[in-house]
């Protein structure tokens, strides 16, 4: 399992669009908000590790 860094690009109802911060890809990942910390907002940075998302501060 790896560690991946994301930024919340948009929130649409029960889903959020995440963009990888540690990759050149412009592709967005659609994730159910139930899997994300409840405090997320657009621009929130997240770390994904061991099938869990965690809010982080600063750059990856």
PDB file of N, CA and C in Angstrom:
ATOM      1  N   UNK A   1       0.852  -1.180   0.000  1.00  0.00           N
ATOM      2  CA  UNK A   1       0.000   0.000   0.000  1.00  0.00           C
ATOM      3  C   UNK A   1       0.888   1.230   0.000  1.00  0.00           C
ATOM      4  N   UNK A   2       0.459   2.191  -0.788  1.00  0.00           N
ATOM      5  CA  UNK A   2       1.207   3.426  -0.851  1.00  0.00           C
ATOM      6  C   UNK A   2       0.513   4.549  -0.113  1.00  0.00           C
ATOM      7  N   UNK A   3       1.178   5.693  -0.120  1.00  0.00           N
ATOM      8  CA  UNK A   3       0.611   6.914   0.437  1.00  0.00           C
ATOM      9  C   UNK A   3       0.368   7.856  -0.720  1.00  0.00           C
ATOM     10  N   UNK A   4      -0.848   8.419  -0.791  1.00  0.00           N
ATOM     11  CA  UNK A   4      -1.219   9.324  -1.870  1.00  0.00           C
ATOM     12  C   UNK A   4      -1.752  10.614  -1.269  1.00  0.00           C
ATOM     13  N   UNK A   5      -1.529  11.715  -1.965  1.00  0.00           N
ATOM     14  CA  UNK A   5      -1.986  13.023  -1.495  1.00  0.00           C
ATOM     15  C   UNK A   5      -2.996  13.595  -2.483  1.00  0.00           C
ATOM     16  N   UNK A   6      -4.073  14.142  -1.951  1.00  0.00           N
ATOM     17  CA  UNK A   6      -5.170  14.671  -2.759  1.00  0.00           C
ATOM     18  C   UNK A   6      -5.573  16.052  -2.270  1.00  0.00           C
ATOM     19  N   UNK A   7      -6.229  16.780  -3.151  1.00  0.00           N
ATOM     20  CA  UNK A   7      -6.878  18.039  -2.791  1.00  0.00           C
ATOM     21  C   UNK A   7      -8.339  17.938  -3.200  1.00  0.00           C
ATOM     22  N   UNK A   8      -9.235  18.398  -2.334  1.00  0.00           N
ATOM     23  CA  UNK A   8     -10.653  18.405  -2.657  1.00  0.00           C
ATOM     24  C   UNK A   8     -10.892  19.532  -3.653  1.00  0.00           C
ATOM     25  N   UNK A   9     -11.315  19.176  -4.858  1.00  0.00           N
ATOM     26  CA  UNK A   9     -11.562  20.161  -5.917  1.00  0.00           C
ATOM     27  C   UNK A   9     -12.989  20.685  -5.841  1.00  0.00           C
ATOM     28  N   UNK A  10     -13.935  19.790  -5.617  1.00  0.00           N
ATOM     29  CA  UNK A  10     -15.335  20.196  -5.524  1.00  0.00           C
ATOM     30  C   UNK A  10     -16.111  19.165  -4.716  1.00  0.00           C
ATOM     31  N   UNK A  11     -17.226  19.634  -4.173  1.00  0.00           N
ATOM     32  CA  UNK A  11     -18.128  18.766  -3.422  1.00  0.00           C
ATOM     33  C   UNK A  11     -19.484  18.844  -4.092  1.00  0.00           C
ATOM     34  N   UNK A  12     -20.044  17.671  -4.391  1.00  0.00           N
ATOM     35  CA  UNK A  12     -21.328  17.600  -5.077  1.00  0.00           C
ATOM     36  C   UNK A  12     -22.217  16.611  -4.330  1.00  0.00           C
ATOM     37  N   UNK A  13     -23.006  17.134  -3.400  1.00  0.00           N
ATOM     38  CA  UNK A  13     -23.903  16.273  -2.626  1.00  0.00           C
ATOM     39  C   UNK A  13     -23.138  15.312  -1.753  1.00  0.00           C
ATOM     40  N   UNK A  14     -23.348  14.017  -1.980  1.00  0.00           N
ATOM     41  CA  UNK A  14     -22.719  12.978  -1.170  1.00  0.00           C
ATOM     42  C   UNK A  14     -21.346  12.551  -1.684  1.00  0.00           C
ATOM     43  N   UNK A  15     -20.808  13.275  -2.661  1.00  0.00           N
ATOM     44  CA  UNK A  15     -19.530  12.910  -3.272  1.00  0.00           C
ATOM     45  C   UNK A  15     -18.597  14.108  -3.333  1.00  0.00           C
ATOM     46  N   UNK A  16     -17.303  13.822  -3.377  1.00  0.00           N
ATOM     47  CA  UNK A  16     -16.288  14.855  -3.540  1.00  0.00           C
ATOM     48  C   UNK A  16     -15.365  14.446  -4.676  1.00  0.00           C
ATOM     49  N   UNK A  17     -14.914  15.417  -5.445  1.00  0.00           N
ATOM     50  CA  UNK A  17     -13.938  15.194  -6.510  1.00  0.00           C
ATOM     51  C   UNK A  17     -12.563  15.530  -5.966  1.00  0.00           C
ATOM     52  N   UNK A  18     -11.659  14.556  -6.024  1.00  0.00           N
ATOM     53  CA  UNK A  18     -10.302  14.731  -5.520  1.00  0.00           C
ATOM     54  C   UNK A  18      -9.310  14.720  -6.660  1.00  0.00           C
ATOM     55  N   UNK A  19      -8.272  15.565  -6.542  1.00  0.00           N
ATOM     56  CA  UNK A  19      -7.200  15.634  -7.536  1.00  0.00           C
ATOM     57  C   UNK A  19      -5.904  15.234  -6.861  1.00  0.00           C
ATOM     58  N   UNK A  20      -5.159  14.326  -7.492  1.00  0.00           N
ATOM     59  CA  UNK A  20      -3.859  13.901  -6.947  1.00  0.00           C
ATOM     60  C   UNK A  20      -2.905  15.081  -6.947  1.00  0.00           C
ATOM     61  N   UNK A  21      -2.230  15.283  -5.833  1.00  0.00           N
ATOM     62  CA  UNK A  21      -1.250  16.360  -5.711  1.00  0.00           C
ATOM     63  C   UNK A  21       0.162  15.851  -5.975  1.00  0.00           C
ATOM     64  N   UNK A  22       0.365  14.553  -5.897  1.00  0.00           N
ATOM     65  CA  UNK A  22       1.694  13.970  -6.061  1.00  0.00           C
ATOM     66  C   UNK A  22       1.869  13.297  -7.420  1.00  0.00           C
ATOM     67  N   UNK A  23       1.042  13.718  -8.381  1.00  0.00           N
ATOM     68  CA  UNK A  23       1.075  13.126  -9.716  1.00  0.00           C
ATOM     69  C   UNK A  23       0.755  14.206 -10.749  1.00  0.00           C
ATOM     70  N   UNK A  24       1.190  14.000 -11.962  1.00  0.00           N
ATOM     71  CA  UNK A  24       0.932  14.944 -13.036  1.00  0.00           C
ATOM     72  C   UNK A  24      -0.473  14.806 -13.625  1.00  0.00           C
ATOM     73  N   UNK A  25      -1.202  13.795 -13.242  1.00  0.00           N
ATOM     74  CA  UNK A  25      -2.512  13.500 -13.809  1.00  0.00           C
ATOM     75  C   UNK A  25      -3.531  14.595 -13.499  1.00  0.00           C
ATOM     76  N   UNK A  26      -4.331  14.931 -14.480  1.00  0.00           N
ATOM     77  CA  UNK A  26      -5.411  15.902 -14.315  1.00  0.00           C
ATOM     78  C   UNK A  26      -6.738  15.201 -14.017  1.00  0.00           C
ATOM     79  N   UNK A  27      -6.721  13.868 -13.991  1.00  0.00           N
ATOM     80  CA  UNK A  27      -7.930  13.080 -13.763  1.00  0.00           C
ATOM     81  C   UNK A  27      -8.404  13.239 -12.318  1.00  0.00           C
ATOM     82  N   UNK A  28      -9.720  13.386 -12.152  1.00  0.00           N
ATOM     83  CA  UNK A  28     -10.300  13.523 -10.819  1.00  0.00           C
ATOM     84  C   UNK A  28     -10.805  12.172 -10.332  1.00  0.00           C
ATOM     85  N   UNK A  29     -10.771  11.988  -9.026  1.00  0.00           N
ATOM     86  CA  UNK A  29     -11.263  10.765  -8.396  1.00  0.00           C
ATOM     87  C   UNK A  29     -12.531  11.114  -7.637  1.00  0.00           C
ATOM     88  N   UNK A  30     -13.627  10.421  -7.925  1.00  0.00           N
ATOM     89  CA  UNK A  30     -14.908  10.642  -7.258  1.00  0.00           C
ATOM     90  C   UNK A  30     -14.978   9.732  -6.036  1.00  0.00           C
ATOM     91  N   UNK A  31     -15.145  10.338  -4.842  1.00  0.00           N
ATOM     92  CA  UNK A  31     -15.137   9.584  -3.583  1.00  0.00           C
ATOM     93  C   UNK A  31     -16.377   9.942  -2.784  1.00  0.00           C
ATOM     94  N   UNK A  32     -17.019   8.938  -2.214  1.00  0.00           N
ATOM     95  CA  UNK A  32     -18.179   9.172  -1.347  1.00  0.00           C
ATOM     96  C   UNK A  32     -17.734   9.946  -0.113  1.00  0.00           C
ATOM     97  N   UNK A  33     -18.495  10.969   0.260  1.00  0.00           N
ATOM     98  CA  UNK A  33     -18.141  11.792   1.418  1.00  0.00           C
ATOM     99  C   UNK A  33     -18.143  10.998   2.711  1.00  0.00           C
ATOM    100  N   UNK A  34     -18.874   9.899   2.760  1.00  0.00           N
ATOM    101  CA  UNK A  34     -18.890   9.049   3.954  1.00  0.00           C
ATOM    102  C   UNK A  34     -17.510   8.466   4.246  1.00  0.00           C
ATOM    103  N   UNK A  35     -16.640   8.387   3.237  1.00  0.00           N
ATOM    104  CA  UNK A  35     -15.291   7.860   3.407  1.00  0.00           C
ATOM    105  C   UNK A  35     -14.282   8.930   3.793  1.00  0.00           C
ATOM    106  N   UNK A  36     -14.706  10.194   3.761  1.00  0.00           N
ATOM    107  CA  UNK A  36     -13.815  11.329   4.015  1.00  0.00           C
ATOM    108  C   UNK A  36     -14.093  11.942   5.377  1.00  0.00           C
ATOM    109  N   UNK A  37     -13.115  12.656   5.946  1.00  0.00           N
ATOM    110  CA  UNK A  37     -13.374  13.354   7.201  1.00  0.00           C
ATOM    111  C   UNK A  37     -14.533  14.340   7.033  1.00  0.00           C
ATOM    112  N   UNK A  38     -15.404  14.479   8.022  1.00  0.00           N
ATOM    113  CA  UNK A  38     -16.583  15.346   7.875  1.00  0.00           C
ATOM    114  C   UNK A  38     -16.253  16.828   7.733  1.00  0.00           C
ATOM    115  N   UNK A  39     -15.061  17.259   8.118  1.00  0.00           N
ATOM    116  CA  UNK A  39     -14.686  18.671   8.076  1.00  0.00           C
ATOM    117  C   UNK A  39     -14.207  19.151   6.710  1.00  0.00           C
ATOM    118  N   UNK A  40     -14.204  18.295   5.692  1.00  0.00           N
ATOM    119  CA  UNK A  40     -13.631  18.703   4.405  1.00  0.00           C
ATOM    120  C   UNK A  40     -14.410  19.852   3.777  1.00  0.00           C
ATOM    121  N   UNK A  41     -13.694  20.629   2.980  1.00  0.00           N
ATOM    122  CA  UNK A  41     -14.254  21.715   2.175  1.00  0.00           C
ATOM    123  C   UNK A  41     -13.408  21.780   0.908  1.00  0.00           C
ATOM    124  N   UNK A  42     -13.850  22.549  -0.068  1.00  0.00           N
ATOM    125  CA  UNK A  42     -13.045  22.713  -1.278  1.00  0.00           C
ATOM    126  C   UNK A  42     -11.694  23.295  -0.895  1.00  0.00           C
ATOM    127  N   UNK A  43     -10.633  22.702  -1.409  1.00  0.00           N
ATOM    128  CA  UNK A  43      -9.279  23.147  -1.102  1.00  0.00           C
ATOM    129  C   UNK A  43      -8.617  22.366   0.021  1.00  0.00           C
ATOM    130  N   UNK A  44      -9.368  21.526   0.729  1.00  0.00           N
ATOM    131  CA  UNK A  44      -8.790  20.710   1.805  1.00  0.00           C
ATOM    132  C   UNK A  44      -7.797  19.720   1.215  1.00  0.00           C
ATOM    133  N   UNK A  45      -6.665  19.571   1.874  1.00  0.00           N
ATOM    134  CA  UNK A  45      -5.650  18.606   1.448  1.00  0.00           C
ATOM    135  C   UNK A  45      -5.777  17.350   2.306  1.00  0.00           C
ATOM    136  N   UNK A  46      -5.654  16.211   1.628  1.00  0.00           N
ATOM    137  CA  UNK A  46      -5.845  14.921   2.287  1.00  0.00           C
ATOM    138  C   UNK A  46      -4.675  13.984   2.016  1.00  0.00           C
ATOM    139  N   UNK A  47      -4.413  13.118   2.981  1.00  0.00           N
ATOM    140  CA  UNK A  47      -3.462  12.025   2.794  1.00  0.00           C
ATOM    141  C   UNK A  47      -4.269  10.736   2.824  1.00  0.00           C
ATOM    142  N   UNK A  48      -4.020   9.855   1.858  1.00  0.00           N
ATOM    143  CA  UNK A  48      -4.684   8.554   1.795  1.00  0.00           C
ATOM    144  C   UNK A  48      -3.646   7.483   2.081  1.00  0.00           C
ATOM    145  N   UNK A  49      -3.884   6.722   3.152  1.00  0.00           N
ATOM    146  CA  UNK A  49      -2.979   5.653   3.535  1.00  0.00           C
ATOM    147  C   UNK A  49      -3.782   4.571   4.229  1.00  0.00           C
ATOM    148  N   UNK A  50      -3.529   3.320   3.887  1.00  0.00           N
ATOM    149  CA  UNK A  50      -4.210   2.174   4.484  1.00  0.00           C
ATOM    150  C   UNK A  50      -5.732   2.332   4.427  1.00  0.00           C
ATOM    151  N   UNK A  51      -6.224   2.747   3.271  1.00  0.00           N
ATOM    152  CA  UNK A  51      -7.659   2.854   2.992  1.00  0.00           C
ATOM    153  C   UNK A  51      -8.356   3.880   3.888  1.00  0.00           C
ATOM    154  N   UNK A  52      -7.625   4.911   4.346  1.00  0.00           N
ATOM    155  CA  UNK A  52      -8.205   5.975   5.148  1.00  0.00           C
ATOM    156  C   UNK A  52      -7.717   7.321   4.649  1.00  0.00           C
ATOM    157  N   UNK A  53      -8.612   8.308   4.689  1.00  0.00           N
ATOM    158  CA  UNK A  53      -8.266   9.677   4.334  1.00  0.00           C
ATOM    159  C   UNK A  53      -8.086  10.484   5.613  1.00  0.00           C
ATOM    160  N   UNK A  54      -7.051  11.320   5.626  1.00  0.00           N
ATOM    161  CA  UNK A  54      -6.751  12.161   6.781  1.00  0.00           C
ATOM    162  C   UNK A  54      -6.433  13.573   6.291  1.00  0.00           C
ATOM    163  N   UNK A  55      -6.964  14.583   6.963  1.00  0.00           N
ATOM    164  CA  UNK A  55      -6.688  15.971   6.604  1.00  0.00           C
ATOM    165  C   UNK A  55      -5.255  16.295   6.999  1.00  0.00           C
ATOM    166  N   UNK A  56      -4.528  16.972   6.079  1.00  0.00           N
ATOM    167  CA  UNK A  56      -3.162  17.405   6.362  1.00  0.00           C
ATOM    168  C   UNK A  56      -3.064  18.906   6.137  1.00  0.00           C
ATOM    169  N   UNK A  57      -2.047  19.488   6.694  1.00  0.00           N
ATOM    170  CA  UNK A  57      -1.741  20.902   6.490  1.00  0.00           C
ATOM    171  C   UNK A  57      -0.471  21.006   5.673  1.00  0.00           C
ATOM    172  N   UNK A  58      -0.423  21.974   4.777  1.00  0.00           N
ATOM    173  CA  UNK A  58       0.794  22.203   4.006  1.00  0.00           C
ATOM    174  C   UNK A  58       0.884  21.339   2.765  1.00  0.00           C
ATOM    175  N   UNK A  59       2.073  21.350   2.184  1.00  0.00           N
ATOM    176  CA  UNK A  59       2.323  20.610   0.944  1.00  0.00           C
ATOM    177  C   UNK A  59       2.721  19.184   1.241  1.00  0.00           C
ATOM    178  N   UNK A  60       2.549  18.342   0.209  1.00  0.00           N
ATOM    179  CA  UNK A  60       2.940  16.937   0.379  1.00  0.00           C
ATOM    180  C   UNK A  60       4.419  16.774   0.123  1.00  0.00           C
TER     181      UNK A  60
END
